[in-house]
Amino acid sequence: MQATQPTFFKQGPKPLTRVLIFSTLSVALIIGDAYFQLLGRVREQVSVVLYPLQWLATAPTNAVIEASAFLQKQSHLIAENRQLNDAKLIAQAQEMRLKALEAENAQLRALKLANERNPRQSQLTQILYNGRDPFGAKLIVDLGQRSGVSAGQIALDASGVVGQVIRVQPMTSEVRLISDREHMVPVLVARNQLRTVVYGTGRQNPLEVRNMAPNVDIKPGDILLTSGIDGIYPAGLPVARVSKVERAAGNAFARIQCQPLAQIDQHRFLLLLNAPAPLPAYPQTTPAPKPKGQ
């Protein structure tokens, strides 16, 4: 019995023959596709079938590229946003500084006009800080003995009296505000020339006029000016405006409250009026002569 060769070992056409066949077929397909578009629809169908595979193959690379681009854009936007915020803060700070300079310039112009209106010489001083006494109303200014400042000088702004110099150091001075509890100013009512005294009650509290009868001719809106009778405050300086008058029937005195005309807690600069000339000595009374024989 003759043995047959297994199918696995059977050989087909020779390699050269296969090359010639496939080469001829390829050339024929190329020529046919070039002139007659024979493979156009085949390519379309194949591209449709292979598109999901192509998308899956390129998806990781595209995802990495898009993520990198997103992160770069995000980083750029964050840096740009930070720069814009910094520029905004700088612009706001410059605007605030400009407004502060404008307000300061306006105050200095007002003080210059006030100085020109006042016949007494004055010095411009800058407020350094508030006094250390938490119960008092005092300021520390940057002029002292070396600048010719002396105790008793009057501090004022463009609107009115602020206070009085009470203590002088070589480089600084302490000013007691008119709102201080220990301060009092002799004043008169501009409307009727009624003389009285206004007292401080604390930094944030209104001023008071005390010991006035309930029927006293003072009403809200009256302006109080320095009377000048104490020899310290020159006459005619604005001090306060009457804000409230209470005339209770059972009280011996009217309760009169006033608001300072000066912006005592809102400025950086003040005028210090030079010390006034001393008043003549108070006349001494001579005792009456005793009758003879006694």
Foldseek 3Di string as FASTA:
>chain_A
DDDDDDPVPDDDDDPVVVVVVVVVVVVVVVVCCVPPVPCVVVVVVVCVVCVVVVCVVCVVVVVVVVVVVVVVVVVVVVVVVVVVVVVVVVVVVVVVVVVVVVVQVVQVVLQVVVQVVDPFHKDKWFWDAFDPDPFFGKTKIFAFVCNPDDFLWWKAGSFFTFFTFHAGDHGITMTGGQQTQPHKAWWAFPVPRHIFIWHHDTDPFFIWTDDAALPDPDDFQTWIWGCCPVQRDHTDTTFWTWHDWARDPPDRHITTTTHGRGPNPPHGMIITGDGGDDDPDDDDDDDDDDDPPD
